[in-house]
N, C-alpha and C. Protein backbone atom coordinates (compact mmCIF):
# COMPACT_ATOMS: atom_id res chain seq x y z
N MET A 1 121.53 -101.03 -34.22
CA MET A 1 120.52 -100.25 -34.94
C MET A 1 121.13 -98.91 -35.32
N SER A 2 120.90 -98.49 -36.55
CA SER A 2 121.40 -97.19 -37.01
C SER A 2 120.55 -96.06 -36.41
N PHE A 3 121.09 -94.85 -36.49
CA PHE A 3 120.35 -93.70 -35.99
C PHE A 3 119.06 -93.48 -36.79
N LYS A 4 119.14 -93.69 -38.09
CA LYS A 4 117.95 -93.54 -38.93
C LYS A 4 116.89 -94.55 -38.53
N GLN A 5 117.29 -95.79 -38.28
CA GLN A 5 116.34 -96.81 -37.83
C GLN A 5 115.73 -96.43 -36.48
N ASN A 6 116.53 -95.83 -35.62
CA ASN A 6 116.03 -95.37 -34.33
C ASN A 6 114.94 -94.32 -34.52
N VAL A 7 115.19 -93.36 -35.41
CA VAL A 7 114.20 -92.32 -35.70
C VAL A 7 112.94 -92.93 -36.28
N GLU A 8 113.10 -93.84 -37.25
CA GLU A 8 111.93 -94.47 -37.86
C GLU A 8 111.12 -95.27 -36.84
N GLN A 9 111.80 -95.91 -35.92
CA GLN A 9 111.11 -96.66 -34.86
C GLN A 9 110.31 -95.70 -33.97
N HIS A 10 110.90 -94.57 -33.64
CA HIS A 10 110.19 -93.57 -32.83
C HIS A 10 108.95 -93.04 -33.56
N LEU A 11 109.11 -92.76 -34.85
CA LEU A 11 107.98 -92.26 -35.64
C LEU A 11 106.84 -93.27 -35.68
N GLN A 12 107.18 -94.54 -35.88
CA GLN A 12 106.15 -95.58 -35.94
C GLN A 12 105.47 -95.75 -34.58
N HIS A 13 106.25 -95.73 -33.51
CA HIS A 13 105.68 -95.86 -32.17
C HIS A 13 104.75 -94.69 -31.87
N PHE A 14 105.18 -93.48 -32.25
CA PHE A 14 104.35 -92.30 -32.03
C PHE A 14 103.06 -92.40 -32.83
N ALA A 15 103.16 -92.81 -34.08
CA ALA A 15 101.97 -92.95 -34.93
C ALA A 15 100.97 -93.92 -34.31
N GLN A 16 101.45 -95.05 -33.82
CA GLN A 16 100.57 -96.03 -33.19
C GLN A 16 99.94 -95.47 -31.91
N SER A 17 100.71 -94.70 -31.16
CA SER A 17 100.19 -94.17 -29.89
C SER A 17 99.09 -93.13 -30.09
N ILE A 18 99.07 -92.45 -31.25
CA ILE A 18 98.01 -91.46 -31.50
C ILE A 18 96.97 -91.95 -32.50
N GLY A 19 97.08 -93.21 -32.90
CA GLY A 19 96.06 -93.80 -33.76
C GLY A 19 96.28 -93.63 -35.25
N LEU A 20 97.46 -93.25 -35.65
CA LEU A 20 97.76 -93.18 -37.09
C LEU A 20 98.20 -94.57 -37.53
N GLY A 21 97.96 -94.87 -38.76
CA GLY A 21 98.37 -96.18 -39.28
C GLY A 21 99.88 -96.30 -39.35
N GLU A 22 100.49 -95.43 -40.14
CA GLU A 22 101.92 -95.54 -40.35
C GLU A 22 102.51 -94.15 -40.52
N LEU A 23 103.69 -93.97 -39.99
CA LEU A 23 104.42 -92.73 -40.15
C LEU A 23 105.88 -93.10 -40.34
N LYS A 24 106.42 -92.72 -41.48
CA LYS A 24 107.81 -93.06 -41.75
C LYS A 24 108.45 -91.99 -42.61
N LEU A 25 109.76 -92.02 -42.67
CA LEU A 25 110.51 -91.08 -43.48
C LEU A 25 110.32 -91.40 -44.96
N ASN A 26 110.25 -90.37 -45.78
CA ASN A 26 110.13 -90.58 -47.23
C ASN A 26 111.52 -90.71 -47.84
N GLU A 27 111.60 -90.68 -49.17
CA GLU A 27 112.88 -90.85 -49.86
C GLU A 27 113.86 -89.71 -49.59
N HIS A 28 113.37 -88.59 -49.03
CA HIS A 28 114.22 -87.46 -48.67
C HIS A 28 114.52 -87.44 -47.17
N ASP A 29 114.22 -88.55 -46.50
CA ASP A 29 114.41 -88.68 -45.05
C ASP A 29 113.61 -87.63 -44.28
N ALA A 30 112.39 -87.38 -44.71
CA ALA A 30 111.54 -86.40 -44.08
C ALA A 30 110.11 -86.91 -43.98
N CYS A 31 109.36 -86.34 -43.07
CA CYS A 31 107.92 -86.59 -42.97
C CYS A 31 107.29 -85.42 -42.23
N GLY A 32 105.98 -85.37 -42.22
CA GLY A 32 105.30 -84.27 -41.58
C GLY A 32 104.05 -84.72 -40.85
N LEU A 33 103.68 -83.93 -39.85
CA LEU A 33 102.47 -84.16 -39.08
C LEU A 33 101.69 -82.86 -39.01
N CYS A 34 100.37 -82.96 -39.04
CA CYS A 34 99.51 -81.79 -38.90
C CYS A 34 98.76 -81.91 -37.59
N PHE A 35 98.85 -80.88 -36.76
CA PHE A 35 98.17 -80.85 -35.47
C PHE A 35 97.06 -79.81 -35.52
N ASP A 36 95.89 -80.15 -35.01
CA ASP A 36 94.74 -79.25 -34.95
C ASP A 36 94.38 -78.66 -36.31
N ASP A 37 94.65 -79.38 -37.38
CA ASP A 37 94.35 -78.96 -38.74
C ASP A 37 95.00 -77.65 -39.16
N THR A 38 95.93 -77.12 -38.35
CA THR A 38 96.55 -75.85 -38.70
C THR A 38 98.06 -75.83 -38.53
N LEU A 39 98.58 -76.60 -37.61
CA LEU A 39 100.02 -76.56 -37.31
C LEU A 39 100.71 -77.75 -37.97
N ILE A 40 101.59 -77.46 -38.90
CA ILE A 40 102.29 -78.52 -39.61
C ILE A 40 103.73 -78.57 -39.11
N VAL A 41 104.12 -79.73 -38.62
CA VAL A 41 105.48 -79.95 -38.15
C VAL A 41 106.16 -80.91 -39.11
N ASN A 42 107.22 -80.44 -39.74
CA ASN A 42 108.02 -81.29 -40.63
C ASN A 42 109.21 -81.80 -39.84
N MET A 43 109.54 -83.06 -40.07
CA MET A 43 110.68 -83.67 -39.41
C MET A 43 111.62 -84.19 -40.48
N GLU A 44 112.90 -83.92 -40.30
CA GLU A 44 113.89 -84.37 -41.28
C GLU A 44 115.07 -84.99 -40.55
N TYR A 45 115.43 -86.19 -40.99
CA TYR A 45 116.61 -86.86 -40.45
C TYR A 45 117.82 -86.39 -41.25
N LEU A 46 118.83 -85.89 -40.54
CA LEU A 46 120.06 -85.43 -41.18
C LEU A 46 121.18 -86.42 -40.84
N GLU A 47 121.51 -87.24 -41.81
CA GLU A 47 122.47 -88.32 -41.58
C GLU A 47 123.84 -87.78 -41.16
N ASP A 48 124.33 -86.75 -41.84
CA ASP A 48 125.66 -86.22 -41.54
C ASP A 48 125.76 -85.66 -40.12
N ASP A 49 124.66 -85.11 -39.63
CA ASP A 49 124.64 -84.51 -38.29
C ASP A 49 124.13 -85.47 -37.23
N GLU A 50 123.65 -86.63 -37.67
CA GLU A 50 123.03 -87.60 -36.76
C GLU A 50 121.97 -86.91 -35.91
N ALA A 51 121.09 -86.18 -36.61
CA ALA A 51 120.08 -85.37 -35.93
C ALA A 51 118.72 -85.52 -36.59
N LEU A 52 117.70 -85.28 -35.80
CA LEU A 52 116.33 -85.15 -36.28
C LEU A 52 115.95 -83.70 -36.06
N VAL A 53 115.52 -83.03 -37.12
CA VAL A 53 115.20 -81.62 -37.03
C VAL A 53 113.70 -81.43 -37.22
N PHE A 54 113.09 -80.68 -36.30
CA PHE A 54 111.69 -80.29 -36.41
C PHE A 54 111.67 -78.88 -37.00
N VAL A 55 110.83 -78.67 -38.01
CA VAL A 55 110.70 -77.36 -38.65
C VAL A 55 109.22 -77.09 -38.88
N ALA A 56 108.79 -75.88 -38.55
CA ALA A 56 107.39 -75.50 -38.77
C ALA A 56 107.31 -74.04 -39.21
N SER A 57 106.41 -73.77 -40.13
CA SER A 57 106.16 -72.39 -40.54
C SER A 57 105.28 -71.72 -39.50
N VAL A 58 105.72 -70.57 -39.03
CA VAL A 58 104.95 -69.83 -38.03
C VAL A 58 104.01 -68.84 -38.70
N ARG A 59 104.52 -68.13 -39.71
CA ARG A 59 103.72 -67.16 -40.44
C ARG A 59 104.51 -66.64 -41.63
N PRO A 60 103.82 -66.04 -42.60
CA PRO A 60 104.56 -65.41 -43.71
C PRO A 60 105.35 -64.21 -43.18
N MET A 61 106.45 -63.94 -43.82
CA MET A 61 107.26 -62.78 -43.47
C MET A 61 106.82 -61.60 -44.31
N ILE A 62 106.84 -60.44 -43.74
CA ILE A 62 106.56 -59.21 -44.49
C ILE A 62 107.73 -59.00 -45.45
N THR A 63 107.43 -58.87 -46.72
CA THR A 63 108.51 -58.84 -47.72
C THR A 63 109.00 -57.44 -48.04
N HIS A 64 108.21 -56.42 -47.80
CA HIS A 64 108.63 -55.07 -48.11
C HIS A 64 109.16 -54.39 -46.85
N ASP A 65 110.11 -53.49 -47.02
CA ASP A 65 110.65 -52.75 -45.88
C ASP A 65 109.57 -51.83 -45.33
N SER A 66 109.33 -51.95 -44.03
CA SER A 66 108.31 -51.15 -43.40
C SER A 66 108.51 -51.20 -41.89
N PRO A 67 107.87 -50.31 -41.17
CA PRO A 67 107.94 -50.38 -39.71
C PRO A 67 107.37 -51.70 -39.16
N GLU A 68 106.38 -52.26 -39.86
CA GLU A 68 105.80 -53.53 -39.42
C GLU A 68 106.81 -54.67 -39.54
N LYS A 69 107.61 -54.65 -40.61
CA LYS A 69 108.63 -55.68 -40.78
C LYS A 69 109.69 -55.55 -39.70
N THR A 70 110.10 -54.34 -39.42
CA THR A 70 111.09 -54.10 -38.36
C THR A 70 110.55 -54.58 -37.02
N ALA A 71 109.30 -54.27 -36.74
CA ALA A 71 108.69 -54.70 -35.47
C ALA A 71 108.61 -56.22 -35.38
N LEU A 72 108.30 -56.88 -36.49
CA LEU A 72 108.23 -58.35 -36.50
C LEU A 72 109.61 -58.94 -36.24
N LEU A 73 110.63 -58.42 -36.89
CA LEU A 73 112.00 -58.91 -36.67
C LEU A 73 112.44 -58.69 -35.22
N GLU A 74 112.07 -57.54 -34.66
CA GLU A 74 112.40 -57.27 -33.26
C GLU A 74 111.69 -58.25 -32.34
N LYS A 75 110.43 -58.54 -32.63
CA LYS A 75 109.67 -59.49 -31.81
C LYS A 75 110.28 -60.88 -31.90
N MET A 76 110.69 -61.28 -33.10
CA MET A 76 111.34 -62.59 -33.27
C MET A 76 112.61 -62.68 -32.42
N CYS A 77 113.42 -61.63 -32.48
CA CYS A 77 114.66 -61.63 -31.68
C CYS A 77 114.35 -61.68 -30.19
N SER A 78 113.33 -60.97 -29.79
CA SER A 78 112.92 -60.96 -28.39
C SER A 78 112.46 -62.34 -27.93
N LEU A 79 111.66 -63.01 -28.77
CA LEU A 79 111.19 -64.35 -28.41
C LEU A 79 112.35 -65.34 -28.34
N ASN A 80 113.33 -65.20 -29.23
CA ASN A 80 114.48 -66.10 -29.20
C ASN A 80 115.27 -65.99 -27.89
N LEU A 81 115.17 -64.86 -27.23
CA LEU A 81 115.87 -64.67 -25.95
C LEU A 81 115.14 -65.33 -24.78
N GLN A 82 113.92 -65.76 -24.99
CA GLN A 82 113.13 -66.38 -23.91
C GLN A 82 113.37 -67.88 -23.92
N HIS A 83 114.54 -68.27 -23.45
CA HIS A 83 115.00 -69.67 -23.55
C HIS A 83 114.01 -70.67 -22.98
N HIS A 84 113.47 -70.41 -21.80
CA HIS A 84 112.56 -71.38 -21.19
C HIS A 84 111.26 -71.50 -21.98
N SER A 85 110.74 -70.40 -22.46
CA SER A 85 109.50 -70.44 -23.23
C SER A 85 109.70 -71.11 -24.59
N MET A 86 110.89 -71.00 -25.15
CA MET A 86 111.16 -71.54 -26.48
C MET A 86 111.51 -73.03 -26.44
N GLN A 87 111.76 -73.59 -25.28
CA GLN A 87 112.00 -75.04 -25.12
C GLN A 87 113.09 -75.57 -26.06
N GLY A 88 114.14 -74.78 -26.27
CA GLY A 88 115.24 -75.22 -27.12
C GLY A 88 115.05 -74.93 -28.60
N ALA A 89 113.92 -74.39 -28.98
CA ALA A 89 113.66 -74.05 -30.38
C ALA A 89 114.07 -72.59 -30.63
N PHE A 90 114.13 -72.21 -31.88
CA PHE A 90 114.43 -70.83 -32.22
C PHE A 90 113.68 -70.44 -33.49
N LEU A 91 113.47 -69.13 -33.63
CA LEU A 91 112.81 -68.58 -34.80
C LEU A 91 113.87 -68.14 -35.81
N ALA A 92 113.58 -68.32 -37.09
CA ALA A 92 114.48 -67.94 -38.16
C ALA A 92 113.66 -67.66 -39.42
N LEU A 93 114.33 -67.18 -40.44
CA LEU A 93 113.70 -66.99 -41.74
C LEU A 93 114.12 -68.12 -42.66
N ASN A 94 113.22 -68.51 -43.58
CA ASN A 94 113.60 -69.52 -44.56
C ASN A 94 114.60 -68.91 -45.55
N HIS A 95 115.09 -69.72 -46.48
CA HIS A 95 116.16 -69.27 -47.38
C HIS A 95 115.79 -68.05 -48.21
N ASP A 96 114.55 -67.97 -48.68
CA ASP A 96 114.19 -66.81 -49.50
C ASP A 96 113.53 -65.70 -48.68
N LYS A 97 113.56 -65.83 -47.36
CA LYS A 97 113.11 -64.80 -46.41
C LYS A 97 111.63 -64.46 -46.56
N THR A 98 110.81 -65.45 -46.92
CA THR A 98 109.38 -65.21 -47.07
C THR A 98 108.55 -65.83 -45.94
N GLU A 99 109.19 -66.63 -45.09
CA GLU A 99 108.47 -67.28 -43.99
C GLU A 99 109.27 -67.24 -42.71
N VAL A 100 108.55 -67.08 -41.61
CA VAL A 100 109.15 -67.22 -40.29
C VAL A 100 109.02 -68.69 -39.90
N LEU A 101 110.15 -69.30 -39.54
CA LEU A 101 110.17 -70.71 -39.17
C LEU A 101 110.53 -70.89 -37.71
N LEU A 102 110.01 -71.97 -37.14
CA LEU A 102 110.43 -72.41 -35.82
C LEU A 102 111.22 -73.69 -36.04
N ILE A 103 112.41 -73.79 -35.43
CA ILE A 103 113.30 -74.92 -35.67
C ILE A 103 113.82 -75.47 -34.34
N ARG A 104 113.90 -76.79 -34.28
CA ARG A 104 114.46 -77.47 -33.09
C ARG A 104 115.15 -78.73 -33.55
N SER A 105 116.35 -78.96 -33.06
CA SER A 105 117.12 -80.14 -33.43
C SER A 105 117.22 -81.08 -32.23
N LEU A 106 117.30 -82.37 -32.54
CA LEU A 106 117.36 -83.41 -31.53
C LEU A 106 118.33 -84.48 -32.00
N GLN A 107 119.14 -85.02 -31.11
CA GLN A 107 120.04 -86.10 -31.51
C GLN A 107 119.23 -87.31 -31.95
N ALA A 108 119.61 -87.89 -33.06
CA ALA A 108 118.88 -89.04 -33.61
C ALA A 108 119.04 -90.28 -32.72
N SER A 109 119.99 -90.26 -31.83
CA SER A 109 120.21 -91.40 -30.93
C SER A 109 119.34 -91.36 -29.68
N CYS A 110 118.48 -90.36 -29.58
CA CYS A 110 117.66 -90.19 -28.36
C CYS A 110 116.72 -91.38 -28.15
N ASP A 111 116.25 -91.51 -26.90
CA ASP A 111 115.27 -92.56 -26.63
C ASP A 111 113.87 -92.04 -26.96
N TYR A 112 112.89 -92.94 -26.95
CA TYR A 112 111.54 -92.56 -27.36
C TYR A 112 110.94 -91.50 -26.44
N GLY A 113 111.19 -91.61 -25.15
CA GLY A 113 110.63 -90.63 -24.21
C GLY A 113 111.07 -89.21 -24.53
N LEU A 114 112.35 -89.04 -24.84
CA LEU A 114 112.86 -87.72 -25.19
C LEU A 114 112.28 -87.25 -26.52
N PHE A 115 112.18 -88.15 -27.49
CA PHE A 115 111.58 -87.80 -28.78
C PHE A 115 110.16 -87.28 -28.58
N GLU A 116 109.33 -88.04 -27.86
CA GLU A 116 107.93 -87.66 -27.66
C GLU A 116 107.82 -86.35 -26.89
N SER A 117 108.61 -86.21 -25.84
CA SER A 117 108.59 -84.99 -25.03
C SER A 117 109.02 -83.77 -25.85
N THR A 118 110.06 -83.94 -26.65
CA THR A 118 110.55 -82.83 -27.47
C THR A 118 109.52 -82.44 -28.53
N LEU A 119 108.89 -83.41 -29.14
CA LEU A 119 107.85 -83.12 -30.14
C LEU A 119 106.69 -82.38 -29.48
N GLU A 120 106.27 -82.82 -28.32
CA GLU A 120 105.16 -82.15 -27.61
C GLU A 120 105.54 -80.71 -27.26
N LYS A 121 106.73 -80.51 -26.75
CA LYS A 121 107.18 -79.15 -26.40
C LYS A 121 107.30 -78.29 -27.65
N PHE A 122 107.73 -78.89 -28.75
CA PHE A 122 107.86 -78.14 -30.00
C PHE A 122 106.49 -77.66 -30.47
N VAL A 123 105.50 -78.52 -30.43
CA VAL A 123 104.15 -78.14 -30.86
C VAL A 123 103.59 -77.05 -29.93
N ASN A 124 103.81 -77.18 -28.63
CA ASN A 124 103.35 -76.15 -27.69
C ASN A 124 104.06 -74.82 -27.96
N THR A 125 105.35 -74.88 -28.23
CA THR A 125 106.11 -73.66 -28.53
C THR A 125 105.63 -73.05 -29.84
N LEU A 126 105.33 -73.89 -30.82
CA LEU A 126 104.80 -73.41 -32.09
C LEU A 126 103.49 -72.66 -31.88
N GLU A 127 102.59 -73.24 -31.10
CA GLU A 127 101.31 -72.56 -30.81
C GLU A 127 101.55 -71.22 -30.15
N TRP A 128 102.48 -71.20 -29.20
CA TRP A 128 102.78 -69.97 -28.47
C TRP A 128 103.37 -68.91 -29.40
N CYS A 129 104.31 -69.30 -30.27
CA CYS A 129 104.94 -68.36 -31.20
C CYS A 129 103.93 -67.81 -32.20
N VAL A 130 103.06 -68.67 -32.72
CA VAL A 130 102.01 -68.21 -33.63
C VAL A 130 101.16 -67.16 -32.93
N SER A 131 100.76 -67.44 -31.71
CA SER A 131 99.95 -66.51 -30.93
C SER A 131 100.69 -65.19 -30.68
N GLU A 132 101.93 -65.28 -30.25
CA GLU A 132 102.72 -64.08 -29.95
C GLU A 132 102.93 -63.21 -31.19
N LEU A 133 103.25 -63.83 -32.32
CA LEU A 133 103.50 -63.04 -33.52
C LEU A 133 102.21 -62.53 -34.14
N ASP A 134 101.10 -63.26 -33.98
CA ASP A 134 99.80 -62.75 -34.43
C ASP A 134 99.37 -61.58 -33.55
N GLU A 135 99.59 -61.70 -32.24
CA GLU A 135 99.26 -60.64 -31.30
C GLU A 135 100.06 -59.38 -31.65
N SER A 136 101.31 -59.57 -31.97
CA SER A 136 102.17 -58.45 -32.36
C SER A 136 101.63 -57.77 -33.61
N LYS A 137 101.17 -58.58 -34.58
CA LYS A 137 100.61 -58.04 -35.83
C LYS A 137 99.35 -57.23 -35.54
N GLN A 138 98.51 -57.73 -34.64
CA GLN A 138 97.27 -57.03 -34.30
C GLN A 138 97.57 -55.73 -33.56
N GLU A 139 98.56 -55.76 -32.66
CA GLU A 139 98.94 -54.54 -31.94
C GLU A 139 99.45 -53.48 -32.90
N GLN A 140 100.25 -53.90 -33.88
CA GLN A 140 100.78 -52.95 -34.86
C GLN A 140 99.65 -52.32 -35.66
N ALA A 141 98.69 -53.14 -36.06
CA ALA A 141 97.57 -52.62 -36.86
C ALA A 141 96.74 -51.63 -36.05
N SER A 142 96.47 -51.95 -34.79
CA SER A 142 95.65 -51.05 -33.98
C SER A 142 96.41 -49.78 -33.61
N SER A 143 97.71 -49.87 -33.36
CA SER A 143 98.46 -48.67 -33.02
C SER A 143 98.63 -47.77 -34.25
N ALA A 144 98.70 -48.36 -35.42
CA ALA A 144 98.81 -47.56 -36.65
C ALA A 144 97.54 -46.76 -36.88
N LYS A 145 96.40 -47.32 -36.47
CA LYS A 145 95.12 -46.63 -36.66
C LYS A 145 94.92 -45.52 -35.62
N THR A 146 95.42 -45.74 -34.39
CA THR A 146 95.12 -44.82 -33.30
C THR A 146 96.22 -43.83 -33.01
N SER A 147 97.46 -44.07 -33.41
CA SER A 147 98.53 -43.14 -33.08
C SER A 147 98.90 -42.28 -34.27
N PRO A 148 99.27 -41.05 -33.96
CA PRO A 148 99.75 -40.21 -35.06
C PRO A 148 101.10 -40.74 -35.53
N SER A 149 101.47 -40.36 -36.74
CA SER A 149 102.75 -40.83 -37.25
C SER A 149 103.87 -40.17 -36.46
N PRO A 150 104.97 -40.91 -36.25
CA PRO A 150 106.06 -40.36 -35.45
C PRO A 150 106.68 -39.13 -36.09
N GLN A 151 107.10 -38.21 -35.24
CA GLN A 151 107.78 -37.00 -35.68
C GLN A 151 109.28 -37.28 -35.73
N SER A 152 109.96 -36.66 -36.65
CA SER A 152 111.40 -36.82 -36.65
C SER A 152 111.99 -35.81 -35.68
N GLY A 153 113.25 -36.02 -35.36
CA GLY A 153 113.92 -35.12 -34.43
C GLY A 153 114.24 -35.84 -33.15
N PRO A 154 114.92 -35.15 -32.26
CA PRO A 154 115.38 -35.78 -31.02
C PRO A 154 114.22 -36.35 -30.21
N GLY A 155 114.28 -37.61 -29.97
CA GLY A 155 113.28 -38.28 -29.14
C GLY A 155 111.97 -38.54 -29.85
N GLY A 156 111.79 -38.05 -31.09
CA GLY A 156 110.52 -38.18 -31.75
C GLY A 156 110.32 -39.49 -32.49
N ALA A 157 111.34 -39.95 -33.18
CA ALA A 157 111.20 -41.16 -33.99
C ALA A 157 111.63 -42.38 -33.20
N PRO A 158 110.87 -43.48 -33.32
CA PRO A 158 111.28 -44.70 -32.64
C PRO A 158 112.68 -45.11 -33.10
N GLY A 159 113.49 -45.51 -32.14
CA GLY A 159 114.84 -45.95 -32.44
C GLY A 159 115.83 -44.80 -32.49
N GLY A 160 115.32 -43.58 -32.41
CA GLY A 160 116.19 -42.42 -32.43
C GLY A 160 116.63 -42.04 -31.03
N PRO A 161 117.26 -40.91 -30.88
CA PRO A 161 117.68 -40.47 -29.54
C PRO A 161 116.49 -40.37 -28.61
N GLY A 162 116.67 -40.79 -27.40
CA GLY A 162 115.59 -40.78 -26.43
C GLY A 162 114.85 -42.11 -26.36
N ASP A 163 115.00 -42.97 -27.35
CA ASP A 163 114.38 -44.29 -27.33
C ASP A 163 115.41 -45.29 -26.83
N MET A 164 115.20 -45.77 -25.63
CA MET A 164 116.18 -46.67 -25.01
C MET A 164 116.13 -48.07 -25.61
N GLY A 165 115.08 -48.39 -26.31
CA GLY A 165 114.96 -49.73 -26.88
C GLY A 165 114.73 -50.76 -25.77
N MET A 166 114.91 -52.03 -26.13
CA MET A 166 114.70 -53.09 -25.16
C MET A 166 116.02 -53.40 -24.47
N MET A 167 115.99 -53.45 -23.16
CA MET A 167 117.18 -53.78 -22.40
C MET A 167 117.05 -55.20 -21.88
N VAL A 168 118.13 -55.96 -21.96
CA VAL A 168 118.13 -57.33 -21.50
C VAL A 168 119.09 -57.49 -20.36
């Protein structure tokens, strides 16, 4: 059995286990699933890499330079460092830098148990990342309303002297 056939067999088995009629790769070797009417997980078989890649949009990216964009990028980097919470997935930007994506790769030769477990962990991680980045957005909005604008000078501006930043 080829790796692609293995992936297709896993997709069909998963579809049957959750009550879907049929789930298979399209002409681009991709398919998608929607969970809870809000979380869309796209799966793509990459023949050259012998891999199945899960990709999901977490949220739109802030397109203009601003403190909010910097804070979002910092939060993304921070979440990527939380290996156990991320379950092997990572956050990235799409090609045109307009969306935050969650990505996880899996060997196409995996057995069904690993496929199902990885998909479940990916969806859980996606929910967690959406929540974390939305929470970050809400914190930024509320702090912008309640805090005075930062002063320039030593120790006054975030990221300037006196700001130790995040230590790992």
